[in-house]
Amino acid sequence: MSISQLSKAVYTCLAALLLANTATHAADAFSTENPWMLGYWNGQRTQLQQQGYDFSFGYTGEVATLIDAKNSSDHGTEYADQFAIGAHLDLEKIAGWKDTEAQITVTQRNGRNLSNTAEALDGHLSSVQEVWGRGQTWRLTDFWIKKKFLDQKLDVKVGRFGEGEDFNSFDCDFQNLALCGSQVGNWVGDQWYNWPVSQWAARVKYNLTPEIFTQVGVYEYNPENLERGKGFSLSTDGSKGAIIPAEVVWTPKLGEEKLPGEYRAGYYYSTADARIFDGVTPQDEQIQTGHHHGGGILAKQQLTSHQGDTSRGLSGFVNVTVHDSKTNQVSDMQNIGLVYKGAMDARPQDEIALGVARINMNNDVLGNRSEEVDAEIYYGIHATNWLTIRPNLQYVHHVGAYKDGENVWVGGIKFNTSF
């Protein structure tokens, strides 16, 4: 496949997205059974998928309002959202490249975060609106190509993408950040960049068995990628080193009902300098530096089926990360939760979930801070196949991990739409 062929494929994707609305007709759009609000574009979407072009256009919105606080009378409300426009390319169908695919995703974030604007949440370690962050701007979030070798056992991915897509990966159905996405990126965020930030990277994965694979990656650490005006920059100017994560993943199906699970164990190391955290701001003395490193384990497992239906039932998760206390203010975090899908026969795709997270600060140098606890319960309403609405209630204990910190109740609504 030549560069011109790849460029033609990209232009085909963009043109199809721009013409999507004109290809949609009334009988196809807004059907509750379709996976997309705008339907199949009068059959053109299906035809394009068969040719290797699969498009996505998603929207996530999050409302948060402060219900009650121990000391503050503040009752603010904020809204934040994100658009994500993407194209997945099957390059075997498009250009004859065997076992090769590519992804392009552009994102745009808007709004404000209650954790930043409410007095009661001043210093909040987590966020009550996870979709906010990393600059309210347009970004090239994915721009990668992936190829499989050795009868699909070896998987190589190169381009621009974030660590959390492949390492320490976790669902993002909760609205509280401490229960959403890659937790390593949330607490080592000065160097590990989660979605929607991308950087030059390479990831190699090898399937040891159908249920076990191991992987290692190298991700450029470039703080300029965070700058608002460089969301589409491909330059390596400003690069400071690399984050190197490694992980082993087991995806079994357990018991007579073959209930699915996912278990991850990983370690990361940064070659970039990080200031050794001593709890004070040095004046004339030389700043000492070290390197971020740490690890995490993550377990997700469906525990039961619902009356023999394995698409419904109770699932649980546990997530633990540990970080070098010399270079990181957060020394460790844990979260745990339960999710039940299809508890009611009348609503078989709805779900109810409860999660609790503990964020522990570096006690060696932060004598007045210990831990913050974030909890959330939500009910996920499967309104249509293209719209899910999750009203939620959050509780934050000891905001900012201060021992006399606020205790805050927050109400929220998170919804995801696929166009």
Protein backbone atom coordinates (compact mmCIF):
# COMPACT_ATOMS: atom_id res chain seq x y z
CA MET A 1 0.00 0.00 0.00
CA SER A 2 1.49 3.34 -1.06
CA ILE A 3 1.25 6.67 0.73
CA SER A 4 -1.12 7.87 -1.99
CA GLN A 5 -3.39 4.87 -1.41
CA LEU A 6 -3.46 5.56 2.33
CA SER A 7 -4.20 9.23 1.68
CA LYS A 8 -7.05 8.24 -0.63
CA ALA A 9 -8.47 6.00 2.11
CA VAL A 10 -8.32 8.85 4.61
CA TYR A 11 -10.04 11.27 2.22
CA THR A 12 -12.76 8.68 1.54
CA CYS A 13 -13.40 8.45 5.30
CA LEU A 14 -13.65 12.21 5.75
CA ALA A 15 -15.91 12.65 2.71
CA ALA A 16 -18.25 9.90 3.90
CA LEU A 17 -18.54 11.54 7.32
CA LEU A 18 -19.34 14.93 5.79
CA LEU A 19 -22.00 13.41 3.53
CA ALA A 20 -23.52 11.24 6.26
CA ASN A 21 -26.49 13.47 6.95
CA THR A 22 -27.46 13.73 3.27
CA ALA A 23 -27.40 9.93 2.99
CA THR A 24 -29.76 9.43 5.94
CA HIS A 25 -33.48 9.06 5.35
CA ALA A 26 -36.31 9.24 7.87
CA ALA A 27 -37.24 5.56 8.04
CA ASP A 28 -33.64 4.65 8.87
CA ALA A 29 -32.72 7.33 11.42
CA PHE A 30 -33.75 7.40 15.09
CA SER A 31 -34.82 3.76 15.21
CA THR A 32 -34.35 2.44 18.76
CA GLU A 33 -32.96 -0.83 17.37
CA ASN A 34 -30.19 0.73 15.30
CA PRO A 35 -26.74 1.10 16.91
CA TRP A 36 -26.52 4.66 15.53
CA MET A 37 -28.92 7.59 15.81
CA LEU A 38 -28.57 8.41 12.10
CA GLY A 39 -29.06 4.80 11.07
CA TYR A 40 -27.41 3.10 8.11
CA TRP A 41 -27.35 6.14 5.78
CA ASN A 42 -29.82 4.51 3.40
CA GLY A 43 -27.54 1.44 3.24
CA GLN A 44 -24.39 3.36 2.42
CA ARG A 45 -22.94 2.87 5.89
CA THR A 46 -23.23 -0.90 5.60
CA GLN A 47 -21.73 -0.81 2.12
CA LEU A 48 -18.78 1.23 3.36
CA GLN A 49 -18.22 -1.19 6.26
CA GLN A 50 -18.10 -4.07 3.80
CA GLN A 51 -15.46 -2.15 1.87
CA GLY A 52 -13.39 -1.62 5.04
CA TYR A 53 -14.51 1.85 6.20
CA ASP A 54 -16.17 1.90 9.62
CA PHE A 55 -17.15 5.33 10.96
CA SER A 56 -18.00 6.52 14.46
CA PHE A 57 -19.39 9.80 15.76
CA GLY A 58 -19.98 9.88 19.50
CA TYR A 59 -21.03 12.44 22.06
CA THR A 60 -20.64 12.31 25.85
CA GLY A 61 -22.26 14.87 28.12
CA GLU A 62 -21.98 15.16 31.90
CA VAL A 63 -23.93 17.33 34.36
CA ALA A 64 -22.84 17.74 37.98
CA THR A 65 -24.51 19.72 40.74
CA LEU A 66 -23.40 20.14 44.34
CA ILE A 67 -26.18 18.87 46.63
CA ASP A 68 -24.66 19.25 50.07
CA ALA A 69 -21.36 19.91 51.83
CA LYS A 70 -20.23 19.82 55.45
CA ASN A 71 -19.01 23.41 55.66
CA SER A 72 -19.91 25.16 52.42
CA SER A 73 -23.28 26.47 51.26
CA ASP A 74 -22.19 26.48 47.61
CA HIS A 75 -24.66 24.74 45.24
CA GLY A 76 -23.18 25.23 41.78
CA THR A 77 -23.93 23.25 38.62
CA GLU A 78 -21.61 22.63 35.66
CA TYR A 79 -21.78 20.88 32.27
CA ALA A 80 -18.92 19.33 30.29
CA ASP A 81 -18.95 17.34 27.08
CA GLN A 82 -16.91 15.69 24.35
CA PHE A 83 -17.34 14.96 20.66
CA ALA A 84 -15.38 12.06 19.15
CA ILE A 85 -15.24 11.54 15.38
CA GLY A 86 -13.45 8.46 14.13
CA ALA A 87 -12.79 6.12 11.24
CA HIS A 88 -11.53 2.54 11.48
CA LEU A 89 -9.88 1.25 8.31
CA ASP A 90 -9.61 -2.42 7.38
CA LEU A 91 -6.56 -2.12 5.15
CA GLU A 92 -6.81 -5.75 4.03
CA LYS A 93 -10.13 -4.96 2.35
CA ILE A 94 -9.09 -1.48 1.21
CA ALA A 95 -5.57 -2.14 -0.09
CA GLY A 96 -4.80 -5.85 0.30
CA TRP A 97 -2.57 -5.54 3.36
CA LYS A 98 -3.16 -8.79 5.23
CA ASP A 99 -4.18 -8.49 8.91
CA THR A 100 -3.67 -4.72 8.90
CA GLU A 101 -5.93 -1.99 10.27
CA ALA A 102 -5.73 1.71 11.11
CA GLN A 103 -7.61 4.20 13.27
CA ILE A 104 -8.14 7.95 13.08
CA THR A 105 -9.98 9.75 15.90
CA VAL A 106 -10.48 13.47 16.44
CA THR A 107 -11.94 14.75 19.70
CA GLN A 108 -13.20 18.06 20.99
CA ARG A 109 -13.98 18.93 24.63
CA ASN A 110 -16.07 21.76 26.04
CA GLY A 111 -17.51 23.03 29.30
CA ARG A 112 -16.44 23.39 32.91
CA ASN A 113 -15.81 20.96 35.77
CA LEU A 114 -17.60 21.36 39.10
CA SER A 115 -14.48 20.08 40.88
CA ASN A 116 -12.72 23.23 39.71
CA THR A 117 -15.46 25.78 40.30
CA ALA A 118 -17.21 24.72 43.53
CA GLU A 119 -15.65 26.02 46.75
CA ALA A 120 -16.58 22.80 48.56
CA LEU A 121 -14.55 20.77 46.05
CA ASP A 122 -11.45 22.98 46.14
CA GLY A 123 -8.39 20.71 45.89
CA HIS A 124 -10.40 17.67 44.78
CA LEU A 125 -7.95 14.93 43.76
CA SER A 126 -10.43 13.17 41.50
CA SER A 127 -13.08 14.83 39.32
CA VAL A 128 -16.86 14.61 39.44
CA GLN A 129 -16.95 15.06 35.64
CA GLU A 130 -14.35 12.76 34.11
CA VAL A 131 -14.96 14.00 30.56
CA TRP A 132 -13.41 17.38 31.46
CA GLY A 133 -9.66 17.79 31.28
CA ARG A 134 -6.47 18.11 29.23
CA GLY A 135 -7.66 21.37 27.66
CA GLN A 136 -11.04 22.17 26.18
CA THR A 137 -9.89 21.97 22.58
CA TRP A 138 -9.69 19.88 19.40
CA ARG A 139 -7.17 17.02 19.36
CA LEU A 140 -5.92 14.28 17.09
CA THR A 141 -6.47 11.50 19.62
CA ASP A 142 -5.76 8.44 17.45
CA PHE A 143 -3.60 8.15 14.34
CA TRP A 144 -2.21 4.63 14.24
CA ILE A 145 -1.72 1.52 12.16
CA LYS A 146 -1.68 -2.06 13.46
CA LYS A 147 -0.53 -5.30 11.84
CA LYS A 148 -0.59 -8.93 12.99
CA PHE A 149 2.09 -11.51 12.26
CA LEU A 150 2.82 -15.20 13.00
CA ASP A 151 -0.74 -16.44 12.43
CA GLN A 152 -2.07 -13.40 14.33
CA LYS A 153 -0.15 -14.22 17.52
CA LEU A 154 2.07 -11.13 17.23
CA ASP A 155 0.35 -7.73 17.14
CA VAL A 156 2.32 -4.53 16.42
CA LYS A 157 0.76 -1.06 16.71
CA VAL A 158 2.56 2.21 15.87
CA GLY A 159 1.51 5.83 15.52
CA ARG A 160 -0.07 8.31 17.89
CA PHE A 161 -2.21 7.07 20.78
CA GLY A 162 -2.35 7.08 24.57
CA GLU A 163 -1.12 4.53 27.09
CA GLY A 164 -4.56 3.88 28.55
CA GLU A 165 -5.87 2.46 25.26
CA ASP A 166 -3.79 -0.68 25.78
CA PHE A 167 -2.25 -0.60 29.28
CA ASN A 168 -4.08 -0.48 32.61
CA SER A 169 -7.24 -0.15 30.52
CA PHE A 170 -10.62 0.07 32.22
CA ASP A 171 -14.20 0.96 31.31
CA CYS A 172 -15.43 4.53 31.72
CA ASP A 173 -19.10 4.16 32.64
CA PHE A 174 -18.84 5.94 36.00
CA GLN A 175 -18.78 9.76 36.00
CA ASN A 176 -16.23 10.08 38.83
CA LEU A 177 -12.68 10.00 37.46
CA ALA A 178 -11.38 7.71 40.23
CA LEU A 179 -13.69 4.98 38.86
CA CYS A 180 -13.15 5.62 35.16
CA GLY A 181 -10.37 4.69 32.74
CA SER A 182 -6.69 3.99 33.30
CA GLN A 183 -5.97 4.89 36.91
CA VAL A 184 -2.20 5.08 36.43
CA GLY A 185 -2.77 8.00 34.07
CA ASN A 186 -4.98 9.72 36.63
CA TRP A 187 -2.29 9.74 39.34
CA VAL A 188 0.91 9.98 37.27
CA GLY A 189 -0.71 12.40 34.85
CA ASP A 190 2.31 14.70 34.59
CA GLN A 191 3.91 12.10 32.30
CA TRP A 192 1.37 9.32 31.56
CA TYR A 193 -1.23 10.85 29.22
CA ASN A 194 -4.66 9.24 28.97
CA TRP A 195 -7.32 9.97 26.33
CA PRO A 196 -7.75 12.39 24.60
CA VAL A 197 -4.02 13.27 24.47
CA SER A 198 -1.89 11.27 22.04
CA GLN A 199 1.85 10.91 21.56
CA TRP A 200 4.17 8.97 19.29
CA ALA A 201 4.15 5.37 20.48
CA ALA A 202 4.71 1.73 19.66
CA ARG A 203 3.09 -1.29 21.29
CA VAL A 204 3.98 -4.97 20.73
CA LYS A 205 1.60 -7.70 21.94
CA TYR A 206 2.11 -11.46 21.81
CA ASN A 207 -0.64 -14.03 22.42
CA LEU A 208 0.85 -16.84 24.49
CA THR A 209 -2.48 -18.72 24.47
CA PRO A 210 -5.99 -17.77 23.33
CA GLU A 211 -6.61 -16.45 26.89
CA ILE A 212 -3.21 -14.96 27.83
CA PHE A 213 -1.16 -12.26 26.16
CA THR A 214 1.77 -10.10 27.17
CA GLN A 215 2.61 -6.65 25.84
CA VAL A 216 5.18 -3.89 26.09
CA GLY A 217 5.08 -0.32 24.83
CA VAL A 218 7.18 2.81 24.38
CA TYR A 219 5.41 6.18 24.59
CA GLU A 220 7.04 9.54 23.97
CA TYR A 221 6.84 11.89 26.93
CA ASN A 222 6.45 15.36 25.49
CA PRO A 223 4.78 18.00 27.70
CA GLU A 224 4.14 20.14 24.61
CA ASN A 225 1.40 17.64 23.68
CA LEU A 226 -0.70 19.18 26.45
CA GLU A 227 -0.61 22.66 24.95
CA ARG A 228 -3.93 23.83 23.62
CA GLY A 229 -2.57 24.97 20.29
CA LYS A 230 -0.77 21.69 19.56
CA GLY A 231 -3.64 19.22 19.46
CA PHE A 232 -2.71 18.23 15.89
CA SER A 233 1.05 18.67 16.13
CA LEU A 234 3.15 15.70 14.98
CA SER A 235 6.44 17.25 16.05
CA THR A 236 8.81 15.63 18.54
CA ASP A 237 10.24 18.99 19.58
CA GLY A 238 10.07 19.19 23.36
CA SER A 239 10.39 15.45 23.91
CA LYS A 240 11.80 14.66 27.36
CA GLY A 241 11.99 10.86 27.34
CA ALA A 242 9.67 7.88 27.25
CA ILE A 243 7.19 5.93 29.36
CA ILE A 244 7.74 2.17 29.07
CA PRO A 245 4.83 0.02 30.31
CA ALA A 246 4.70 -3.79 30.33
CA GLU A 247 1.72 -5.97 31.13
CA VAL A 248 0.37 -9.51 31.26
CA VAL A 249 -3.35 -9.98 30.60
CA TRP A 250 -5.52 -13.05 31.23
CA THR A 251 -9.05 -13.15 29.75
CA PRO A 252 -10.64 -16.39 30.98
CA LYS A 253 -14.20 -17.67 30.77
CA LEU A 254 -14.87 -19.33 34.09
CA GLY A 255 -17.28 -22.00 35.30
CA GLU A 256 -19.89 -24.03 33.50
CA GLU A 257 -21.48 -20.86 32.12
CA LYS A 258 -18.14 -19.55 30.75
CA LEU A 259 -18.50 -16.18 32.47
CA PRO A 260 -15.98 -13.67 31.04
CA GLY A 261 -13.23 -12.03 33.06
CA GLU A 262 -10.16 -9.86 32.55
CA TYR A 263 -7.09 -9.76 34.79
CA ARG A 264 -4.17 -7.39 34.25
CA ALA A 265 -0.81 -7.05 35.99
CA GLY A 266 1.58 -4.35 34.84
CA TYR A 267 4.63 -2.21 35.55
CA TYR A 268 5.77 1.11 34.10
CA TYR A 269 9.04 3.05 34.09
CA SER A 270 9.81 6.56 32.83
CA THR A 271 13.17 7.53 31.39
CA ALA A 272 12.31 11.22 31.87
CA ASP A 273 13.45 13.18 34.89
CA ALA A 274 10.92 13.80 37.65
CA ARG A 275 11.53 15.96 40.67
CA ILE A 276 12.06 14.05 43.90
CA PHE A 277 9.15 15.21 46.01
CA ASP A 278 10.28 16.48 49.41
CA GLY A 279 7.17 18.38 50.46
CA VAL A 280 8.85 21.79 50.22
CA THR A 281 9.71 24.17 47.41
CA PRO A 282 13.48 24.41 47.07
CA GLN A 283 14.93 27.90 46.80
CA ASP A 284 18.62 28.07 45.99
CA GLU A 285 19.48 24.43 46.43
CA GLN A 286 19.72 22.12 43.46
CA ILE A 287 16.53 20.22 42.66
CA GLN A 288 17.04 16.45 42.89
CA THR A 289 15.44 14.28 40.24
CA GLY A 290 14.48 10.65 39.89
CA HIS A 291 12.21 8.61 37.62
CA HIS A 292 8.54 7.71 37.86
CA HIS A 293 7.89 4.00 38.19
CA GLY A 294 5.19 1.80 39.64
CA GLY A 295 2.60 -0.78 38.75
CA GLY A 296 -0.95 -1.94 38.99
CA ILE A 297 -3.28 -4.90 39.01
CA LEU A 298 -6.81 -4.90 37.68
CA ALA A 299 -9.49 -7.59 37.85
CA LYS A 300 -12.93 -7.66 36.24
CA GLN A 301 -15.11 -10.74 36.44
CA GLN A 302 -18.73 -11.60 35.72
CA LEU A 303 -19.83 -13.42 38.86
CA THR A 304 -23.34 -14.63 37.99
CA SER A 305 -25.77 -14.91 35.12
CA HIS A 306 -29.41 -13.86 35.35
CA GLN A 307 -31.67 -16.90 35.16
CA GLY A 308 -29.22 -18.59 32.81
CA ASP A 309 -28.77 -15.52 30.55
CA THR A 310 -25.04 -14.72 30.52
CA SER A 311 -25.65 -11.33 28.89
CA ARG A 312 -27.16 -10.30 32.24
CA GLY A 313 -25.96 -10.74 35.80
CA LEU A 314 -23.58 -9.46 38.46
CA SER A 315 -19.98 -8.42 37.74
CA GLY A 316 -17.26 -7.10 40.02
CA PHE A 317 -14.02 -5.18 39.62
CA VAL A 318 -10.93 -4.31 41.66
CA ASN A 319 -8.20 -1.90 40.61
CA VAL A 320 -4.96 -1.22 42.54
CA THR A 321 -2.05 1.04 41.56
CA VAL A 322 1.20 1.73 43.44
CA HIS A 323 3.59 4.60 42.63
CA ASP A 324 7.09 5.65 43.64
CA SER A 325 6.63 7.91 46.65
CA LYS A 326 9.89 9.75 45.96
CA THR A 327 8.60 11.29 42.73
CA ASN A 328 4.82 11.14 43.11
CA GLN A 329 2.44 12.83 45.55
CA VAL A 330 -0.09 9.98 45.23
CA SER A 331 1.53 6.86 46.63
CA ASP A 332 -1.28 4.41 45.83
CA MET A 333 -4.97 4.09 44.98
CA GLN A 334 -7.59 1.36 45.05
CA ASN A 335 -11.11 1.10 43.71
CA ILE A 336 -13.69 -1.66 43.95
CA GLY A 337 -17.22 -2.03 42.65
CA LEU A 338 -20.17 -4.11 41.53
CA VAL A 339 -22.31 -3.83 38.39
CA TYR A 340 -25.58 -5.68 37.81
CA LYS A 341 -26.93 -5.73 34.26
CA GLY A 342 -30.53 -6.68 33.54
CA ALA A 343 -31.87 -6.92 37.08
CA MET A 344 -35.42 -6.33 35.78
CA ASP A 345 -36.92 -8.46 33.00
CA ALA A 346 -38.70 -5.38 31.66
CA ARG A 347 -35.32 -3.59 31.33
CA PRO A 348 -32.83 -6.34 30.39
CA GLN A 349 -30.09 -3.96 29.19
CA ASP A 350 -30.25 -1.46 32.06
CA GLU A 351 -27.61 -1.68 34.77
CA ILE A 352 -27.01 -0.47 38.30
CA ALA A 353 -23.48 0.04 39.62
CA LEU A 354 -21.72 1.00 42.84
CA GLY A 355 -18.04 1.89 43.12
CA VAL A 356 -15.73 3.19 45.83
CA ALA A 357 -12.19 4.57 45.34
CA ARG A 358 -9.46 5.49 47.83
CA ILE A 359 -6.64 7.85 46.84
CA ASN A 360 -3.73 7.79 49.28
CA MET A 361 -1.27 10.67 49.43
CA ASN A 362 2.44 10.47 50.21
CA ASN A 363 2.29 10.49 54.01
CA ASP A 364 6.07 10.74 54.42
CA VAL A 365 6.14 14.39 53.39
CA LEU A 366 2.49 15.48 53.60
CA GLY A 367 1.73 15.37 57.29
CA ASN A 368 -1.59 17.21 56.99
CA ARG A 369 -2.95 15.00 54.20
CA SER A 370 -3.85 11.35 54.15
CA GLU A 371 -6.53 9.96 51.84
CA GLU A 372 -9.56 10.98 49.81
CA VAL A 373 -12.47 8.60 49.25
CA ASP A 374 -14.75 8.93 46.21
CA ALA A 375 -17.92 6.85 45.84
CA GLU A 376 -20.60 6.70 43.16
CA ILE A 377 -23.81 4.84 42.47
CA TYR A 378 -25.50 5.10 39.08
CA TYR A 379 -28.41 3.59 37.21
CA GLY A 380 -27.74 3.09 33.50
CA ILE A 381 -30.87 3.52 31.39
CA HIS A 382 -30.52 1.80 28.00
CA ALA A 383 -32.90 4.22 26.27
CA THR A 384 -32.04 3.00 22.76
CA ASN A 385 -29.16 1.10 21.19
CA TRP A 386 -27.55 4.48 20.52
CA LEU A 387 -28.33 6.33 23.76
CA THR A 388 -27.47 5.44 27.38
CA ILE A 389 -28.32 7.76 30.27
CA ARG A 390 -26.70 7.30 33.69
CA PRO A 391 -28.08 9.43 36.54
CA ASN A 392 -25.67 9.16 39.45
CA LEU A 393 -25.03 10.18 43.04
CA GLN A 394 -21.45 10.81 44.19
CA TYR A 395 -19.93 11.24 47.63
CA VAL A 396 -16.46 12.65 48.33
CA HIS A 397 -14.98 12.15 51.80
CA HIS A 398 -12.10 14.42 52.87
CA VAL A 399 -11.80 16.46 49.67
CA GLY A 400 -8.14 16.87 48.70
CA ALA A 401 -7.14 14.18 51.24
CA TYR A 402 -7.04 16.79 53.98
CA LYS A 403 -7.80 15.25 57.37
CA ASP A 404 -10.32 18.01 58.10
CA GLY A 405 -11.44 18.28 54.47
CA GLU A 406 -14.98 18.71 53.19
CA ASN A 407 -17.47 15.88 52.81
CA VAL A 408 -19.53 16.54 49.71
CA TRP A 409 -22.60 15.07 47.96
CA VAL A 410 -22.86 15.58 44.19
CA GLY A 411 -25.67 14.65 41.81
CA GLY A 412 -24.89 13.96 38.17
CA ILE A 413 -26.17 12.73 34.84
CA LYS A 414 -23.91 11.16 32.21
CA PHE A 415 -25.13 10.25 28.75
CA ASN A 416 -23.48 8.67 25.74
CA THR A 417 -24.83 8.97 22.20
CA SER A 418 -23.61 7.31 19.04
CA PHE A 419 -24.58 9.08 15.83
